[in-house]
Amino acid sequence: MAVPLGQMRAATRSPVDAAYARQIAMYIGHAVLGLGFSAIGRLCGRDHKTVAYACRMVEQRRDDPAVDCMLNLLTDFCREMAESWA
């Protein structure tokens, strides 16, 4: 599923796919990159409470093996990229 960057950064509520992709991006920013909720909120144009909610929602979806596998792949990739840039 490809989500245009414009939909990811939209200030309004967007299609479900874009909202879920944005939640995953927020989760990775927190879990992998170690950014705080406020910093992620500023980057995404959202409130820190929205970021905290997004992270909780993504964590809850990890109970699904397919989602957990996808998130493991994404977080591993992002972690490797972050380490190579450091």
PDB file of N, CA and C in Angstrom:
ATOM      1  N   MET A   1       0.838  -1.161   0.000  1.00  0.00           N
ATOM      2  CA  MET A   1       0.000   0.000   0.000  1.00  0.00           C
ATOM      3  C   MET A   1       0.892   1.235   0.000  1.00  0.00           C
ATOM      4  N   ALA A   2       0.763   2.049  -1.011  1.00  0.00           N
ATOM      5  CA  ALA A   2       1.521   3.290  -1.120  1.00  0.00           C
ATOM      6  C   ALA A   2       0.609   4.448  -0.728  1.00  0.00           C
ATOM      7  N   VAL A   3       1.089   5.268   0.172  1.00  0.00           N
ATOM      8  CA  VAL A   3       0.320   6.427   0.619  1.00  0.00           C
ATOM      9  C   VAL A   3       1.120   7.668   0.244  1.00  0.00           C
ATOM     10  N   PRO A   4       0.524   8.568  -0.540  1.00  0.00           N
ATOM     11  CA  PRO A   4       1.235   9.796  -0.912  1.00  0.00           C
ATOM     12  C   PRO A   4       1.626  10.604   0.323  1.00  0.00           C
ATOM     13  N   LEU A   5       2.792  11.217   0.264  1.00  0.00           N
ATOM     14  CA  LEU A   5       3.296  11.998   1.391  1.00  0.00           C
ATOM     15  C   LEU A   5       2.320  13.103   1.774  1.00  0.00           C
ATOM     16  N   GLY A   6       1.660  13.679   0.785  1.00  0.00           N
ATOM     17  CA  GLY A   6       0.687  14.736   1.078  1.00  0.00           C
ATOM     18  C   GLY A   6      -0.431  14.258   1.982  1.00  0.00           C
ATOM     19  N   GLN A   7      -0.876  13.017   1.790  1.00  0.00           N
ATOM     20  CA  GLN A   7      -1.913  12.462   2.660  1.00  0.00           C
ATOM     21  C   GLN A   7      -1.355  12.165   4.049  1.00  0.00           C
ATOM     22  N   MET A   8      -0.102  11.760   4.107  1.00  0.00           N
ATOM     23  CA  MET A   8       0.514  11.472   5.407  1.00  0.00           C
ATOM     24  C   MET A   8       0.621  12.748   6.246  1.00  0.00           C
ATOM     25  N   ARG A   9       0.866  13.866   5.597  1.00  0.00           N
ATOM     26  CA  ARG A   9       1.091  15.118   6.315  1.00  0.00           C
ATOM     27  C   ARG A   9      -0.144  16.007   6.381  1.00  0.00           C
ATOM     28  N   ALA A  10      -1.258  15.548   5.835  1.00  0.00           N
ATOM     29  CA  ALA A  10      -2.467  16.367   5.803  1.00  0.00           C
ATOM     30  C   ALA A  10      -2.925  16.730   7.214  1.00  0.00           C
ATOM     31  N   ALA A  11      -3.371  17.953   7.360  1.00  0.00           N
ATOM     32  CA  ALA A  11      -3.816  18.431   8.679  1.00  0.00           C
ATOM     33  C   ALA A  11      -5.206  17.909   9.029  1.00  0.00           C
ATOM     34  N   THR A  12      -5.954  17.496   8.041  1.00  0.00           N
ATOM     35  CA  THR A  12      -7.310  17.009   8.282  1.00  0.00           C
ATOM     36  C   THR A  12      -7.305  15.496   8.401  1.00  0.00           C
ATOM     37  N   ARG A  13      -8.415  14.958   8.845  1.00  0.00           N
ATOM     38  CA  ARG A  13      -8.563  13.509   8.881  1.00  0.00           C
ATOM     39  C   ARG A  13      -8.487  13.006   7.453  1.00  0.00           C
ATOM     40  N   SER A  14      -7.822  11.908   7.271  1.00  0.00           N
ATOM     41  CA  SER A  14      -7.605  11.417   5.922  1.00  0.00           C
ATOM     42  C   SER A  14      -8.089   9.978   5.804  1.00  0.00           C
ATOM     43  N   PRO A  15      -7.985   9.399   4.604  1.00  0.00           N
ATOM     44  CA  PRO A  15      -8.414   8.012   4.452  1.00  0.00           C
ATOM     45  C   PRO A  15      -7.728   7.094   5.471  1.00  0.00           C
ATOM     46  N   VAL A  16      -8.379   5.985   5.757  1.00  0.00           N
ATOM     47  CA  VAL A  16      -7.887   5.050   6.774  1.00  0.00           C
ATOM     48  C   VAL A  16      -6.453   4.603   6.485  1.00  0.00           C
ATOM     49  N   ASP A  17      -6.138   4.316   5.219  1.00  0.00           N
ATOM     50  CA  ASP A  17      -4.781   3.875   4.879  1.00  0.00           C
ATOM     51  C   ASP A  17      -3.741   4.926   5.261  1.00  0.00           C
ATOM     52  N   ALA A  18      -4.049   6.192   4.979  1.00  0.00           N
ATOM     53  CA  ALA A  18      -3.114   7.266   5.300  1.00  0.00           C
ATOM     54  C   ALA A  18      -2.981   7.436   6.809  1.00  0.00           C
ATOM     55  N   ALA A  19      -4.085   7.349   7.519  1.00  0.00           N
ATOM     56  CA  ALA A  19      -4.037   7.497   8.979  1.00  0.00           C
ATOM     57  C   ALA A  19      -3.217   6.373   9.605  1.00  0.00           C
ATOM     58  N   TYR A  20      -3.405   5.151   9.124  1.00  0.00           N
ATOM     59  CA  TYR A  20      -2.655   4.015   9.662  1.00  0.00           C
ATOM     60  C   TYR A  20      -1.166   4.152   9.343  1.00  0.00           C
ATOM     61  N   ALA A  21      -0.848   4.570   8.133  1.00  0.00           N
ATOM     62  CA  ALA A  21       0.556   4.773   7.761  1.00  0.00           C
ATOM     63  C   ALA A  21       1.185   5.855   8.634  1.00  0.00           C
ATOM     64  N   ARG A  22       0.426   6.922   8.902  1.00  0.00           N
ATOM     65  CA  ARG A  22       0.925   7.985   9.765  1.00  0.00           C
ATOM     66  C   ARG A  22       1.155   7.472  11.182  1.00  0.00           C
ATOM     67  N   GLN A  23       0.241   6.636  11.690  1.00  0.00           N
ATOM     68  CA  GLN A  23       0.417   6.065  13.019  1.00  0.00           C
ATOM     69  C   GLN A  23       1.683   5.207  13.076  1.00  0.00           C
ATOM     70  N   ILE A  24       1.917   4.428  12.036  1.00  0.00           N
ATOM     71  CA  ILE A  24       3.126   3.595  11.995  1.00  0.00           C
ATOM     72  C   ILE A  24       4.372   4.465  11.963  1.00  0.00           C
ATOM     73  N   ALA A  25       4.342   5.538  11.187  1.00  0.00           N
ATOM     74  CA  ALA A  25       5.491   6.441  11.133  1.00  0.00           C
ATOM     75  C   ALA A  25       5.771   7.050  12.503  1.00  0.00           C
ATOM     76  N   MET A  26       4.713   7.442  13.209  1.00  0.00           N
ATOM     77  CA  MET A  26       4.874   7.998  14.557  1.00  0.00           C
ATOM     78  C   MET A  26       5.452   6.951  15.500  1.00  0.00           C
ATOM     79  N   TYR A  27       4.951   5.733  15.399  1.00  0.00           N
ATOM     80  CA  TYR A  27       5.426   4.637  16.240  1.00  0.00           C
ATOM     81  C   TYR A  27       6.921   4.395  16.008  1.00  0.00           C
ATOM     82  N   ILE A  28       7.322   4.347  14.750  1.00  0.00           N
ATOM     83  CA  ILE A  28       8.737   4.114  14.428  1.00  0.00           C
ATOM     84  C   ILE A  28       9.594   5.266  14.934  1.00  0.00           C
ATOM     85  N   GLY A  29       9.092   6.490  14.782  1.00  0.00           N
ATOM     86  CA  GLY A  29       9.839   7.641  15.299  1.00  0.00           C
ATOM     87  C   GLY A  29      10.091   7.528  16.791  1.00  0.00           C
ATOM     88  N   HIS A  30       9.111   7.006  17.506  1.00  0.00           N
ATOM     89  CA  HIS A  30       9.265   6.860  18.962  1.00  0.00           C
ATOM     90  C   HIS A  30      10.060   5.601  19.332  1.00  0.00           C
ATOM     91  N   ALA A  31       9.633   4.454  18.808  1.00  0.00           N
ATOM     92  CA  ALA A  31      10.218   3.172  19.218  1.00  0.00           C
ATOM     93  C   ALA A  31      11.632   2.959  18.674  1.00  0.00           C
ATOM     94  N   VAL A  32      11.888   3.407  17.462  1.00  0.00           N
ATOM     95  CA  VAL A  32      13.190   3.151  16.832  1.00  0.00           C
ATOM     96  C   VAL A  32      14.130   4.336  16.994  1.00  0.00           C
ATOM     97  N   LEU A  33      13.631   5.515  16.695  1.00  0.00           N
ATOM     98  CA  LEU A  33      14.498   6.687  16.713  1.00  0.00           C
ATOM     99  C   LEU A  33      14.595   7.343  18.082  1.00  0.00           C
ATOM    100  N   GLY A  34      13.706   6.940  19.006  1.00  0.00           N
ATOM    101  CA  GLY A  34      13.761   7.462  20.355  1.00  0.00           C
ATOM    102  C   GLY A  34      13.279   8.894  20.508  1.00  0.00           C
ATOM    103  N   LEU A  35      12.507   9.368  19.544  1.00  0.00           N
ATOM    104  CA  LEU A  35      11.970  10.725  19.634  1.00  0.00           C
ATOM    105  C   LEU A  35      10.825  10.770  20.632  1.00  0.00           C
ATOM    106  N   GLY A  36      10.680  11.877  21.307  1.00  0.00           N
ATOM    107  CA  GLY A  36       9.581  12.055  22.242  1.00  0.00           C
ATOM    108  C   GLY A  36       8.288  12.362  21.505  1.00  0.00           C
ATOM    109  N   PHE A  37       7.184  12.185  22.211  1.00  0.00           N
ATOM    110  CA  PHE A  37       5.873  12.416  21.603  1.00  0.00           C
ATOM    111  C   PHE A  37       5.726  13.861  21.114  1.00  0.00           C
ATOM    112  N   SER A  38       6.232  14.815  21.863  1.00  0.00           N
ATOM    113  CA  SER A  38       6.113  16.222  21.460  1.00  0.00           C
ATOM    114  C   SER A  38       6.905  16.499  20.189  1.00  0.00           C
ATOM    115  N   ALA A  39       8.103  15.954  20.098  1.00  0.00           N
ATOM    116  CA  ALA A  39       8.931  16.156  18.897  1.00  0.00           C
ATOM    117  C   ALA A  39       8.275  15.539  17.673  1.00  0.00           C
ATOM    118  N   ILE A  40       7.744  14.336  17.827  1.00  0.00           N
ATOM    119  CA  ILE A  40       7.057  13.682  16.711  1.00  0.00           C
ATOM    120  C   ILE A  40       5.815  14.481  16.333  1.00  0.00           C
ATOM    121  N   GLY A  41       5.093  14.955  17.325  1.00  0.00           N
ATOM    122  CA  GLY A  41       3.910  15.763  17.065  1.00  0.00           C
ATOM    123  C   GLY A  41       4.236  17.005  16.248  1.00  0.00           C
ATOM    124  N   ARG A  42       5.337  17.672  16.589  1.00  0.00           N
ATOM    125  CA  ARG A  42       5.745  18.854  15.825  1.00  0.00           C
ATOM    126  C   ARG A  42       6.078  18.478  14.389  1.00  0.00           C
ATOM    127  N   LEU A  43       6.770  17.359  14.196  1.00  0.00           N
ATOM    128  CA  LEU A  43       7.137  16.918  12.847  1.00  0.00           C
ATOM    129  C   LEU A  43       5.920  16.542  12.014  1.00  0.00           C
ATOM    130  N   CYS A  44       4.919  15.984  12.654  1.00  0.00           N
ATOM    131  CA  CYS A  44       3.732  15.485  11.946  1.00  0.00           C
ATOM    132  C   CYS A  44       2.558  16.451  11.970  1.00  0.00           C
ATOM    133  N   GLY A  45       2.733  17.579  12.636  1.00  0.00           N
ATOM    134  CA  GLY A  45       1.635  18.528  12.736  1.00  0.00           C
ATOM    135  C   GLY A  45       0.494  18.022  13.606  1.00  0.00           C
ATOM    136  N   ARG A  46       0.847  17.283  14.638  1.00  0.00           N
ATOM    137  CA  ARG A  46      -0.142  16.696  15.538  1.00  0.00           C
ATOM    138  C   ARG A  46       0.224  17.020  16.981  1.00  0.00           C
ATOM    139  N   ASP A  47      -0.730  16.829  17.869  1.00  0.00           N
ATOM    140  CA  ASP A  47      -0.550  17.018  19.303  1.00  0.00           C
ATOM    141  C   ASP A  47       0.188  15.807  19.877  1.00  0.00           C
ATOM    142  N   HIS A  48       0.940  16.005  20.974  1.00  0.00           N
ATOM    143  CA  HIS A  48       1.664  14.886  21.584  1.00  0.00           C
ATOM    144  C   HIS A  48       0.715  13.778  22.041  1.00  0.00           C
ATOM    145  N   LYS A  49      -0.518  14.147  22.416  1.00  0.00           N
ATOM    146  CA  LYS A  49      -1.496  13.127  22.836  1.00  0.00           C
ATOM    147  C   LYS A  49      -1.917  12.260  21.655  1.00  0.00           C
ATOM    148  N   THR A  50      -1.980  12.841  20.482  1.00  0.00           N
ATOM    149  CA  THR A  50      -2.302  12.086  19.266  1.00  0.00           C
ATOM    150  C   THR A  50      -1.191  11.085  18.972  1.00  0.00           C
ATOM    151  N   VAL A  51       0.045  11.497  19.177  1.00  0.00           N
ATOM    152  CA  VAL A  51       1.185  10.606  18.944  1.00  0.00           C
ATOM    153  C   VAL A  51       1.155   9.447  19.942  1.00  0.00           C
ATOM    154  N   ALA A  52       0.887   9.739  21.199  1.00  0.00           N
ATOM    155  CA  ALA A  52       0.802   8.685  22.212  1.00  0.00           C
ATOM    156  C   ALA A  52      -0.308   7.697  21.850  1.00  0.00           C
ATOM    157  N   TYR A  53      -1.448   8.218  21.408  1.00  0.00           N
ATOM    158  CA  TYR A  53      -2.563   7.359  20.993  1.00  0.00           C
ATOM    159  C   TYR A  53      -2.147   6.490  19.806  1.00  0.00           C
ATOM    160  N   ALA A  54      -1.470   7.085  18.838  1.00  0.00           N
ATOM    161  CA  ALA A  54      -1.025   6.333  17.660  1.00  0.00           C
ATOM    162  C   ALA A  54      -0.104   5.187  18.062  1.00  0.00           C
ATOM    163  N   CYS A  55       0.828   5.456  18.957  1.00  0.00           N
ATOM    164  CA  CYS A  55       1.755   4.409  19.404  1.00  0.00           C
ATOM    165  C   CYS A  55       1.018   3.283  20.118  1.00  0.00           C
ATOM    166  N   ARG A  56       0.032   3.635  20.941  1.00  0.00           N
ATOM    167  CA  ARG A  56      -0.762   2.594  21.616  1.00  0.00           C
ATOM    168  C   ARG A  56      -1.534   1.755  20.605  1.00  0.00           C
ATOM    169  N   MET A  57      -2.106   2.392  19.611  1.00  0.00           N
ATOM    170  CA  MET A  57      -2.891   1.667  18.600  1.00  0.00           C
ATOM    171  C   MET A  57      -2.014   0.701  17.807  1.00  0.00           C
ATOM    172  N   VAL A  58      -0.814   1.146  17.451  1.00  0.00           N
ATOM    173  CA  VAL A  58       0.099   0.278  16.706  1.00  0.00           C
ATOM    174  C   VAL A  58       0.528  -0.893  17.580  1.00  0.00           C
ATOM    175  N   GLU A  59       0.855  -0.620  18.839  1.00  0.00           N
ATOM    176  CA  GLU A  59       1.243  -1.704  19.751  1.00  0.00           C
ATOM    177  C   GLU A  59       0.125  -2.733  19.882  1.00  0.00           C
ATOM    178  N   GLN A  60      -1.112  -2.288  19.984  1.00  0.00           N
ATOM    179  CA  GLN A  60      -2.235  -3.224  20.114  1.00  0.00           C
ATOM    180  C   GLN A  60      -2.387  -4.095  18.866  1.00  0.00           C
ATOM    181  N   ARG A  61      -2.092  -3.545  17.718  1.00  0.00           N
ATOM    182  CA  ARG A  61      -2.219  -4.313  16.473  1.00  0.00           C
ATOM    183  C   ARG A  61      -1.122  -5.356  16.322  1.00  0.00           C
ATOM    184  N   ARG A  62      -0.092  -5.276  17.144  1.00  0.00           N
ATOM    185  CA  ARG A  62       0.997  -6.252  17.056  1.00  0.00           C
ATOM    186  C   ARG A  62       0.549  -7.651  17.455  1.00  0.00           C
ATOM    187  N   ASP A  63      -0.627  -7.766  18.035  1.00  0.00           N
ATOM    188  CA  ASP A  63      -1.164  -9.091  18.356  1.00  0.00           C
ATOM    189  C   ASP A  63      -1.432  -9.897  17.093  1.00  0.00           C
ATOM    190  N   ASP A  64      -1.654  -9.222  15.977  1.00  0.00           N
ATOM    191  CA  ASP A  64      -1.855  -9.872  14.682  1.00  0.00           C
ATOM    192  C   ASP A  64      -0.479 -10.247  14.134  1.00  0.00           C
ATOM    193  N   PRO A  65      -0.218 -11.549  13.895  1.00  0.00           N
ATOM    194  CA  PRO A  65       1.102 -11.982  13.429  1.00  0.00           C
ATOM    195  C   PRO A  65       1.561 -11.292  12.142  1.00  0.00           C
ATOM    196  N   ALA A  66       0.655 -11.022  11.222  1.00  0.00           N
ATOM    197  CA  ALA A  66       1.034 -10.368   9.966  1.00  0.00           C
ATOM    198  C   ALA A  66       1.484  -8.928  10.225  1.00  0.00           C
ATOM    199  N   VAL A  67       0.765  -8.235  11.091  1.00  0.00           N
ATOM    200  CA  VAL A  67       1.133  -6.862  11.440  1.00  0.00           C
ATOM    201  C   VAL A  67       2.453  -6.862  12.193  1.00  0.00           C
ATOM    202  N   ASP A  68       2.625  -7.784  13.115  1.00  0.00           N
ATOM    203  CA  ASP A  68       3.858  -7.867  13.892  1.00  0.00           C
ATOM    204  C   ASP A  68       5.056  -8.113  12.976  1.00  0.00           C
ATOM    205  N   CYS A  69       4.897  -9.001  12.005  1.00  0.00           N
ATOM    206  CA  CYS A  69       5.974  -9.295  11.056  1.00  0.00           C
ATOM    207  C   CYS A  69       6.323  -8.049  10.245  1.00  0.00           C
ATOM    208  N   MET A  70       5.310  -7.362   9.731  1.00  0.00           N
ATOM    209  CA  MET A  70       5.529  -6.149   8.950  1.00  0.00           C
ATOM    210  C   MET A  70       6.224  -5.081   9.784  1.00  0.00           C
ATOM    211  N   LEU A  71       5.782  -4.902  11.034  1.00  0.00           N
ATOM    212  CA  LEU A  71       6.408  -3.903  11.896  1.00  0.00           C
ATOM    213  C   LEU A  71       7.839  -4.279  12.246  1.00  0.00           C
ATOM    214  N   ASN A  72       8.105  -5.563  12.450  1.00  0.00           N
ATOM    215  CA  ASN A  72       9.483  -5.996  12.704  1.00  0.00           C
ATOM    216  C   ASN A  72      10.384  -5.667  11.521  1.00  0.00           C
ATOM    217  N   LEU A  73       9.902  -5.924  10.303  1.00  0.00           N
ATOM    218  CA  LEU A  73      10.689  -5.604   9.114  1.00  0.00           C
ATOM    219  C   LEU A  73      10.942  -4.102   9.013  1.00  0.00           C
ATOM    220  N   LEU A  74       9.908  -3.318   9.211  1.00  0.00           N
ATOM    221  CA  LEU A  74      10.053  -1.861   9.129  1.00  0.00           C
ATOM    222  C   LEU A  74      10.977  -1.309  10.213  1.00  0.00           C
ATOM    223  N   THR A  75      10.789  -1.768  11.435  1.00  0.00           N
ATOM    224  CA  THR A  75      11.623  -1.242  12.519  1.00  0.00           C
ATOM    225  C   THR A  75      13.081  -1.676  12.354  1.00  0.00           C
ATOM    226  N   ASP A  76      13.308  -2.910  11.915  1.00  0.00           N
ATOM    227  CA  ASP A  76      14.681  -3.358  11.669  1.00  0.00           C
ATOM    228  C   ASP A  76      15.336  -2.521  10.581  1.00  0.00           C
ATOM    229  N   PHE A  77      14.599  -2.274   9.486  1.00  0.00           N
ATOM    230  CA  PHE A  77      15.128  -1.464   8.392  1.00  0.00           C
ATOM    231  C   PHE A  77      15.446  -0.053   8.872  1.00  0.00           C
ATOM    232  N   CYS A  78      14.511   0.560   9.573  1.00  0.00           N
ATOM    233  CA  CYS A  78      14.718   1.926  10.057  1.00  0.00           C
ATOM    234  C   CYS A  78      15.865   2.000  11.067  1.00  0.00           C
ATOM    235  N   ARG A  79      15.970   0.998  11.914  1.00  0.00           N
ATOM    236  CA  ARG A  79      17.062   0.967  12.891  1.00  0.00           C
ATOM    237  C   ARG A  79      18.413   0.872  12.172  1.00  0.00           C
ATOM    238  N   GLU A  80      18.502   0.007  11.159  1.00  0.00           N
ATOM    239  CA  GLU A  80      19.749  -0.132  10.392  1.00  0.00           C
ATOM    240  C   GLU A  80      20.098   1.170   9.678  1.00  0.00           C
ATOM    241  N   MET A  81      19.105   1.818   9.096  1.00  0.00           N
ATOM    242  CA  MET A  81      19.345   3.081   8.403  1.00  0.00           C
ATOM    243  C   MET A  81      19.818   4.152   9.388  1.00  0.00           C
ATOM    244  N   ALA A  82      19.167   4.236  10.533  1.00  0.00           N
ATOM    245  CA  ALA A  82      19.543   5.239  11.535  1.00  0.00           C
ATOM    246  C   ALA A  82      20.975   5.006  12.025  1.00  0.00           C
ATOM    247  N   GLU A  83      21.331   3.731  12.227  1.00  0.00           N
ATOM    248  CA  GLU A  83      22.680   3.412  12.700  1.00  0.00           C
ATOM    249  C   GLU A  83      23.731   3.727  11.633  1.00  0.00           C
ATOM    250  N   SER A  84      23.386   3.507  10.377  1.00  0.00           N
ATOM    251  CA  SER A  84      24.362   3.759   9.317  1.00  0.00           C
ATOM    252  C   SER A  84      24.586   5.266   9.101  1.00  0.00           C
ATOM    253  N   TRP A  85      23.593   6.091   9.467  1.00  0.00           N
ATOM    254  CA  TRP A  85      23.732   7.536   9.324  1.00  0.00           C
ATOM    255  C   TRP A  85      24.400   8.166  10.515  1.00  0.00           C
ATOM    256  N   ALA A  86      24.502   7.436  11.617  1.00  0.00           N
ATOM    257  CA  ALA A  86      25.069   8.011  12.838  1.00  0.00           C
ATOM    258  C   ALA A  86      26.582   8.097  12.776  1.00  0.00           C
TER     259      ALA A  86
END
